[in-house]
Amino acid sequence: MNEAKVVDTKPVVLELEAGTYYWCACGHSAKHPFCDGAHKGLGIAPLRFELTEAKKVALCACKRTASQPFCDGAHSKL
């Protein structure tokens, strides 16, 4: 499997509505932090996550978090 590309060294903070989302795990999406299908052939699949209510989230952009798709501060060790 390929290693995911670091997009940024800080999270993407967004206000999201309740619903289903697909977080880009490969770092190659043009619609980052969401998947656009750019992972095809890389061996890295997007992560489906669901929010049951509207909330502010910090989505990982360095792709090194242990709590995918949410930032856990792993970018501070890059």
PDB file of N, CA and C in Angstrom:
ATOM      1  N   MET A   1       0.840  -1.181   0.000  1.00  0.00           N
ATOM      2  CA  MET A   1       0.000   0.000   0.000  1.00  0.00           C
ATOM      3  C   MET A   1       0.884   1.244   0.000  1.00  0.00           C
ATOM      4  N   ASN A   2       0.467   2.274  -0.708  1.00  0.00           N
ATOM      5  CA  ASN A   2       1.174   3.545  -0.749  1.00  0.00           C
ATOM      6  C   ASN A   2       0.935   4.323   0.528  1.00  0.00           C
ATOM      7  N   GLU A   3       1.843   5.239   0.835  1.00  0.00           N
ATOM      8  CA  GLU A   3       1.648   6.108   1.993  1.00  0.00           C
ATOM      9  C   GLU A   3       0.832   7.317   1.556  1.00  0.00           C
ATOM     10  N   ALA A   4      -0.054   7.755   2.418  1.00  0.00           N
ATOM     11  CA  ALA A   4      -0.899   8.904   2.112  1.00  0.00           C
ATOM     12  C   ALA A   4      -0.070  10.184   2.031  1.00  0.00           C
ATOM     13  N   LYS A   5      -0.482  11.075   1.152  1.00  0.00           N
ATOM     14  CA  LYS A   5       0.177  12.364   0.947  1.00  0.00           C
ATOM     15  C   LYS A   5      -0.275  13.354   2.015  1.00  0.00           C
ATOM     16  N   VAL A   6       0.675  14.040   2.638  1.00  0.00           N
ATOM     17  CA  VAL A   6       0.354  15.095   3.598  1.00  0.00           C
ATOM     18  C   VAL A   6      -0.163  16.300   2.813  1.00  0.00           C
ATOM     19  N   VAL A   7      -1.376  16.727   3.099  1.00  0.00           N
ATOM     20  CA  VAL A   7      -1.977  17.867   2.419  1.00  0.00           C
ATOM     21  C   VAL A   7      -1.631  19.165   3.145  1.00  0.00           C
ATOM     22  N   ASP A   8      -1.651  19.120   4.477  1.00  0.00           N
ATOM     23  CA  ASP A   8      -1.362  20.299   5.280  1.00  0.00           C
ATOM     24  C   ASP A   8      -0.921  19.849   6.661  1.00  0.00           C
ATOM     25  N   THR A   9      -0.307  20.741   7.412  1.00  0.00           N
ATOM     26  CA  THR A   9       0.129  20.410   8.769  1.00  0.00           C
ATOM     27  C   THR A   9      -0.766  21.063   9.818  1.00  0.00           C
ATOM     28  N   LYS A  10      -1.990  21.313   9.426  1.00  0.00           N
ATOM     29  CA  LYS A  10      -3.028  21.746  10.365  1.00  0.00           C
ATOM     30  C   LYS A  10      -4.350  21.157   9.883  1.00  0.00           C
ATOM     31  N   PRO A  11      -5.291  20.949  10.789  1.00  0.00           N
ATOM     32  CA  PRO A  11      -6.567  20.347  10.389  1.00  0.00           C
ATOM     33  C   PRO A  11      -7.434  21.286   9.568  1.00  0.00           C
ATOM     34  N   VAL A  12      -8.418  20.712   8.904  1.00  0.00           N
ATOM     35  CA  VAL A  12      -9.438  21.470   8.191  1.00  0.00           C
ATOM     36  C   VAL A  12     -10.636  21.549   9.130  1.00  0.00           C
ATOM     37  N   VAL A  13     -10.947  22.756   9.585  1.00  0.00           N
ATOM     38  CA  VAL A  13     -12.047  22.956  10.537  1.00  0.00           C
ATOM     39  C   VAL A  13     -13.275  23.406   9.757  1.00  0.00           C
ATOM     40  N   LEU A  14     -14.365  22.649   9.921  1.00  0.00           N
ATOM     41  CA  LEU A  14     -15.600  22.895   9.173  1.00  0.00           C
ATOM     42  C   LEU A  14     -16.823  22.751  10.067  1.00  0.00           C
ATOM     43  N   GLU A  15     -17.871  23.467   9.718  1.00  0.00           N
ATOM     44  CA  GLU A  15     -19.198  23.268  10.310  1.00  0.00           C
ATOM     45  C   GLU A  15     -19.938  22.354   9.343  1.00  0.00           C
ATOM     46  N   LEU A  16     -20.241  21.138   9.762  1.00  0.00           N
ATOM     47  CA  LEU A  16     -20.922  20.176   8.884  1.00  0.00           C
ATOM     48  C   LEU A  16     -22.325  19.893   9.385  1.00  0.00           C
ATOM     49  N   GLU A  17     -23.214  19.670   8.444  1.00  0.00           N
ATOM     50  CA  GLU A  17     -24.589  19.266   8.757  1.00  0.00           C
ATOM     51  C   GLU A  17     -24.600  17.763   9.060  1.00  0.00           C
ATOM     52  N   ALA A  18     -25.663  17.287   9.669  1.00  0.00           N
ATOM     53  CA  ALA A  18     -25.831  15.855   9.868  1.00  0.00           C
ATOM     54  C   ALA A  18     -25.827  15.180   8.500  1.00  0.00           C
ATOM     55  N   GLY A  19     -25.202  14.027   8.402  1.00  0.00           N
ATOM     56  CA  GLY A  19     -25.164  13.324   7.126  1.00  0.00           C
ATOM     57  C   GLY A  19     -23.974  12.400   7.021  1.00  0.00           C
ATOM     58  N   THR A  20     -23.819  11.811   5.855  1.00  0.00           N
ATOM     59  CA  THR A  20     -22.736  10.880   5.576  1.00  0.00           C
ATOM     60  C   THR A  20     -21.692  11.569   4.708  1.00  0.00           C
ATOM     61  N   TYR A  21     -20.440  11.389   5.071  1.00  0.00           N
ATOM     62  CA  TYR A  21     -19.319  12.018   4.379  1.00  0.00           C
ATOM     63  C   TYR A  21     -18.250  10.968   4.079  1.00  0.00           C
ATOM     64  N   TYR A  22     -17.434  11.247   3.077  1.00  0.00           N
ATOM     65  CA  TYR A  22     -16.311  10.379   2.720  1.00  0.00           C
ATOM     66  C   TYR A  22     -15.036  11.212   2.790  1.00  0.00           C
ATOM     67  N   TRP A  23     -14.234  10.947   3.829  1.00  0.00           N
ATOM     68  CA  TRP A  23     -12.992  11.671   4.072  1.00  0.00           C
ATOM     69  C   TRP A  23     -11.886  11.108   3.189  1.00  0.00           C
ATOM     70  N   CYS A  24     -11.170  11.982   2.531  1.00  0.00           N
ATOM     71  CA  CYS A  24     -10.039  11.582   1.692  1.00  0.00           C
ATOM     72  C   CYS A  24      -8.918  11.079   2.589  1.00  0.00           C
ATOM     73  N   ALA A  25      -8.567   9.818   2.462  1.00  0.00           N
ATOM     74  CA  ALA A  25      -7.497   9.224   3.261  1.00  0.00           C
ATOM     75  C   ALA A  25      -6.167   9.189   2.517  1.00  0.00           C
ATOM     76  N   CYS A  26      -6.203   9.435   1.208  1.00  0.00           N
ATOM     77  CA  CYS A  26      -4.976   9.331   0.409  1.00  0.00           C
ATOM     78  C   CYS A  26      -4.229  10.652   0.272  1.00  0.00           C
ATOM     79  N   GLY A  27      -4.949  11.780   0.384  1.00  0.00           N
ATOM     80  CA  GLY A  27      -4.328  13.089   0.243  1.00  0.00           C
ATOM     81  C   GLY A  27      -4.238  13.592  -1.183  1.00  0.00           C
ATOM     82  N   HIS A  28      -4.831  12.885  -2.131  1.00  0.00           N
ATOM     83  CA  HIS A  28      -4.740  13.277  -3.538  1.00  0.00           C
ATOM     84  C   HIS A  28      -6.012  13.921  -4.093  1.00  0.00           C
ATOM     85  N   SER A  29      -7.059  14.021  -3.291  1.00  0.00           N
ATOM     86  CA  SER A  29      -8.333  14.572  -3.758  1.00  0.00           C
ATOM     87  C   SER A  29      -8.243  16.070  -4.039  1.00  0.00           C
ATOM     88  N   ALA A  30      -8.809  16.494  -5.131  1.00  0.00           N
ATOM     89  CA  ALA A  30      -8.902  17.922  -5.447  1.00  0.00           C
ATOM     90  C   ALA A  30      -9.997  18.582  -4.610  1.00  0.00           C
ATOM     91  N   LYS A  31     -10.829  17.779  -3.954  1.00  0.00           N
ATOM     92  CA  LYS A  31     -11.917  18.295  -3.113  1.00  0.00           C
ATOM     93  C   LYS A  31     -11.620  18.057  -1.629  1.00  0.00           C
ATOM     94  N   HIS A  32     -10.347  17.973  -1.289  1.00  0.00           N
ATOM     95  CA  HIS A  32      -9.927  17.712   0.087  1.00  0.00           C
ATOM     96  C   HIS A  32     -10.642  18.648   1.048  1.00  0.00           C
ATOM     97  N   PRO A  33     -11.135  18.183   2.174  1.00  0.00           N
ATOM     98  CA  PRO A  33     -10.849  16.930   2.846  1.00  0.00           C
ATOM     99  C   PRO A  33     -11.777  15.781   2.455  1.00  0.00           C
ATOM    100  N   PHE A  34     -12.568  15.995   1.407  1.00  0.00           N
ATOM    101  CA  PHE A  34     -13.504  14.955   0.988  1.00  0.00           C
ATOM    102  C   PHE A  34     -12.994  14.228  -0.250  1.00  0.00           C
ATOM    103  N   CYS A  35     -13.419  13.010  -0.418  1.00  0.00           N
ATOM    104  CA  CYS A  35     -12.969  12.153  -1.512  1.00  0.00           C
ATOM    105  C   CYS A  35     -13.566  12.579  -2.849  1.00  0.00           C
ATOM    106  N   ASP A  36     -12.735  12.525  -3.896  1.00  0.00           N
ATOM    107  CA  ASP A  36     -13.211  12.752  -5.260  1.00  0.00           C
ATOM    108  C   ASP A  36     -12.871  11.575  -6.178  1.00  0.00           C
ATOM    109  N   GLY A  37     -12.402  10.463  -5.593  1.00  0.00           N
ATOM    110  CA  GLY A  37     -12.067   9.279  -6.373  1.00  0.00           C
ATOM    111  C   GLY A  37     -10.612   9.213  -6.796  1.00  0.00           C
ATOM    112  N   ALA A  38      -9.790  10.170  -6.413  1.00  0.00           N
ATOM    113  CA  ALA A  38      -8.381  10.207  -6.815  1.00  0.00           C
ATOM    114  C   ALA A  38      -7.572   9.043  -6.229  1.00  0.00           C
ATOM    115  N   HIS A  39      -8.120   8.330  -5.258  1.00  0.00           N
ATOM    116  CA  HIS A  39      -7.411   7.230  -4.608  1.00  0.00           C
ATOM    117  C   HIS A  39      -7.323   5.974  -5.476  1.00  0.00           C
ATOM    118  N   LYS A  40      -8.073   5.915  -6.536  1.00  0.00           N
ATOM    119  CA  LYS A  40      -8.114   4.702  -7.362  1.00  0.00           C
ATOM    120  C   LYS A  40      -6.703   4.316  -7.813  1.00  0.00           C
ATOM    121  N   GLY A  41      -6.332   3.084  -7.558  1.00  0.00           N
ATOM    122  CA  GLY A  41      -5.020   2.573  -7.915  1.00  0.00           C
ATOM    123  C   GLY A  41      -3.944   2.809  -6.863  1.00  0.00           C
ATOM    124  N   LEU A  42      -4.276   3.512  -5.790  1.00  0.00           N
ATOM    125  CA  LEU A  42      -3.290   3.807  -4.752  1.00  0.00           C
ATOM    126  C   LEU A  42      -3.290   2.796  -3.614  1.00  0.00           C
ATOM    127  N   GLY A  43      -4.369   2.020  -3.493  1.00  0.00           N
ATOM    128  CA  GLY A  43      -4.469   1.071  -2.384  1.00  0.00           C
ATOM    129  C   GLY A  43      -4.894   1.719  -1.082  1.00  0.00           C
ATOM    130  N   ILE A  44      -5.426   2.932  -1.163  1.00  0.00           N
ATOM    131  CA  ILE A  44      -5.915   3.655   0.020  1.00  0.00           C
ATOM    132  C   ILE A  44      -7.364   4.055  -0.254  1.00  0.00           C
ATOM    133  N   ALA A  45      -8.268   3.603   0.585  1.00  0.00           N
ATOM    134  CA  ALA A  45      -9.688   3.881   0.387  1.00  0.00           C
ATOM    135  C   ALA A  45     -10.133   5.047   1.264  1.00  0.00           C
ATOM    136  N   PRO A  46     -11.145   5.791   0.832  1.00  0.00           N
ATOM    137  CA  PRO A  46     -11.688   6.866   1.668  1.00  0.00           C
ATOM    138  C   PRO A  46     -12.375   6.280   2.895  1.00  0.00           C
ATOM    139  N   LEU A  47     -12.554   7.109   3.892  1.00  0.00           N
ATOM    140  CA  LEU A  47     -13.217   6.675   5.118  1.00  0.00           C
ATOM    141  C   LEU A  47     -14.603   7.297   5.176  1.00  0.00           C
ATOM    142  N   ARG A  48     -15.609   6.450   5.262  1.00  0.00           N
ATOM    143  CA  ARG A  48     -16.991   6.901   5.405  1.00  0.00           C
ATOM    144  C   ARG A  48     -17.232   7.228   6.878  1.00  0.00           C
ATOM    145  N   PHE A  49     -17.798   8.419   7.130  1.00  0.00           N
ATOM    146  CA  PHE A  49     -18.177   8.748   8.499  1.00  0.00           C
ATOM    147  C   PHE A  49     -19.512   9.458   8.485  1.00  0.00           C
ATOM    148  N   GLU A  50     -20.210   9.346   9.591  1.00  0.00           N
ATOM    149  CA  GLU A  50     -21.558   9.896   9.680  1.00  0.00           C
ATOM    150  C   GLU A  50     -21.685  10.791  10.900  1.00  0.00           C
ATOM    151  N   LEU A  51     -22.345  11.905  10.712  1.00  0.00           N
ATOM    152  CA  LEU A  51     -22.670  12.795  11.815  1.00  0.00           C
ATOM    153  C   LEU A  51     -24.175  12.734  12.025  1.00  0.00           C
ATOM    154  N   THR A  52     -24.593  12.567  13.259  1.00  0.00           N
ATOM    155  CA  THR A  52     -26.018  12.480  13.559  1.00  0.00           C
ATOM    156  C   THR A  52     -26.631  13.843  13.839  1.00  0.00           C
ATOM    157  N   GLU A  53     -25.766  14.852  13.992  1.00  0.00           N
ATOM    158  CA  GLU A  53     -26.232  16.217  14.197  1.00  0.00           C
ATOM    159  C   GLU A  53     -25.200  17.177  13.624  1.00  0.00           C
ATOM    160  N   ALA A  54     -25.615  18.397  13.348  1.00  0.00           N
ATOM    161  CA  ALA A  54     -24.693  19.411  12.843  1.00  0.00           C
ATOM    162  C   ALA A  54     -23.652  19.703  13.915  1.00  0.00           C
ATOM    163  N   LYS A  55     -22.379  19.816  13.495  1.00  0.00           N
ATOM    164  CA  LYS A  55     -21.340  20.134  14.469  1.00  0.00           C
ATOM    165  C   LYS A  55     -20.093  20.638  13.779  1.00  0.00           C
ATOM    166  N   LYS A  56     -19.253  21.292  14.549  1.00  0.00           N
ATOM    167  CA  LYS A  56     -17.958  21.767  14.080  1.00  0.00           C
ATOM    168  C   LYS A  56     -16.960  20.626  14.260  1.00  0.00           C
ATOM    169  N   VAL A  57     -16.211  20.320  13.203  1.00  0.00           N
ATOM    170  CA  VAL A  57     -15.237  19.221  13.257  1.00  0.00           C
ATOM    171  C   VAL A  57     -13.880  19.712  12.756  1.00  0.00           C
ATOM    172  N   ALA A  58     -12.833  19.047  13.211  1.00  0.00           N
ATOM    173  CA  ALA A  58     -11.475  19.297  12.735  1.00  0.00           C
ATOM    174  C   ALA A  58     -11.028  18.017  12.044  1.00  0.00           C
ATOM    175  N   LEU A  59     -11.022  18.039  10.712  1.00  0.00           N
ATOM    176  CA  LEU A  59     -10.653  16.857   9.930  1.00  0.00           C
ATOM    177  C   LEU A  59      -9.155  16.873   9.653  1.00  0.00           C
ATOM    178  N   CYS A  60      -8.536  15.723   9.797  1.00  0.00           N
ATOM    179  CA  CYS A  60      -7.098  15.588   9.618  1.00  0.00           C
ATOM    180  C   CYS A  60      -6.686  15.866   8.175  1.00  0.00           C
ATOM    181  N   ALA A  61      -5.633  16.664   8.011  1.00  0.00           N
ATOM    182  CA  ALA A  61      -5.093  16.954   6.682  1.00  0.00           C
ATOM    183  C   ALA A  61      -3.703  16.347   6.503  1.00  0.00           C
ATOM    184  N   CYS A  62      -3.074  15.921   7.604  1.00  0.00           N
ATOM    185  CA  CYS A  62      -1.738  15.319   7.480  1.00  0.00           C
ATOM    186  C   CYS A  62      -1.809  13.820   7.210  1.00  0.00           C
ATOM    187  N   LYS A  63      -2.976  13.234   7.409  1.00  0.00           N
ATOM    188  CA  LYS A  63      -3.239  11.812   7.152  1.00  0.00           C
ATOM    189  C   LYS A  63      -2.498  10.883   8.104  1.00  0.00           C
ATOM    190  N   ARG A  64      -2.026  11.397   9.237  1.00  0.00           N
ATOM    191  CA  ARG A  64      -1.290  10.573  10.204  1.00  0.00           C
ATOM    192  C   ARG A  64      -2.053  10.372  11.513  1.00  0.00           C
ATOM    193  N   THR A  65      -3.283  10.876  11.592  1.00  0.00           N
ATOM    194  CA  THR A  65      -4.073  10.755  12.818  1.00  0.00           C
ATOM    195  C   THR A  65      -4.410   9.297  13.146  1.00  0.00           C
ATOM    196  N   ALA A  66      -4.486   9.006  14.413  1.00  0.00           N
ATOM    197  CA  ALA A  66      -4.912   7.678  14.862  1.00  0.00           C
ATOM    198  C   ALA A  66      -6.427   7.631  15.033  1.00  0.00           C
ATOM    199  N   SER A  67      -7.090   8.790  14.922  1.00  0.00           N
ATOM    200  CA  SER A  67      -8.545   8.839  15.110  1.00  0.00           C
ATOM    201  C   SER A  67      -9.228   9.321  13.833  1.00  0.00           C
ATOM    202  N   GLN A  68      -8.904   8.691  12.720  1.00  0.00           N
ATOM    203  CA  GLN A  68      -9.461   9.069  11.419  1.00  0.00           C
ATOM    204  C   GLN A  68     -10.972   9.176  11.470  1.00  0.00           C
ATOM    205  N   PRO A  69     -11.552  10.187  10.889  1.00  0.00           N
ATOM    206  CA  PRO A  69     -10.985  11.247  10.079  1.00  0.00           C
ATOM    207  C   PRO A  69     -10.608  12.497  10.875  1.00  0.00           C
ATOM    208  N   PHE A  70     -10.734  12.421  12.205  1.00  0.00           N
ATOM    209  CA  PHE A  70     -10.582  13.614  13.022  1.00  0.00           C
ATOM    210  C   PHE A  70      -9.130  13.837  13.450  1.00  0.00           C
ATOM    211  N   CYS A  71      -8.751  15.088  13.538  1.00  0.00           N
ATOM    212  CA  CYS A  71      -7.401  15.469  13.934  1.00  0.00           C
ATOM    213  C   CYS A  71      -7.147  15.060  15.385  1.00  0.00           C
ATOM    214  N   ASP A  72      -5.966  14.489  15.629  1.00  0.00           N
ATOM    215  CA  ASP A  72      -5.559  14.152  16.991  1.00  0.00           C
ATOM    216  C   ASP A  72      -4.243  14.840  17.362  1.00  0.00           C
ATOM    217  N   GLY A  73      -3.798  15.790  16.525  1.00  0.00           N
ATOM    218  CA  GLY A  73      -2.560  16.510  16.784  1.00  0.00           C
ATOM    219  C   GLY A  73      -1.316  15.848  16.219  1.00  0.00           C
ATOM    220  N   ALA A  74      -1.480  14.760  15.472  1.00  0.00           N
ATOM    221  CA  ALA A  74      -0.327  14.042  14.904  1.00  0.00           C
ATOM    222  C   ALA A  74       0.521  14.943  14.015  1.00  0.00           C
ATOM    223  N   HIS A  75      -0.084  15.978  13.421  1.00  0.00           N
ATOM    224  CA  HIS A  75       0.661  16.890  12.538  1.00  0.00           C
ATOM    225  C   HIS A  75       1.778  17.614  13.283  1.00  0.00           C
ATOM    226  N   SER A  76       1.669  17.739  14.593  1.00  0.00           N
ATOM    227  CA  SER A  76       2.698  18.440  15.365  1.00  0.00           C
ATOM    228  C   SER A  76       3.999  17.637  15.452  1.00  0.00           C
ATOM    229  N   LYS A  77       3.944  16.363  15.044  1.00  0.00           N
ATOM    230  CA  LYS A  77       5.132  15.505  15.087  1.00  0.00           C
ATOM    231  C   LYS A  77       5.793  15.347  13.720  1.00  0.00           C
ATOM    232  N   LEU A  78       5.280  16.062  12.716  1.00  0.00           N
ATOM    233  CA  LEU A  78       5.847  15.963  11.369  1.00  0.00           C
ATOM    234  C   LEU A  78       7.039  16.885  11.207  1.00  0.00           C
TER     235      LEU A  78
END
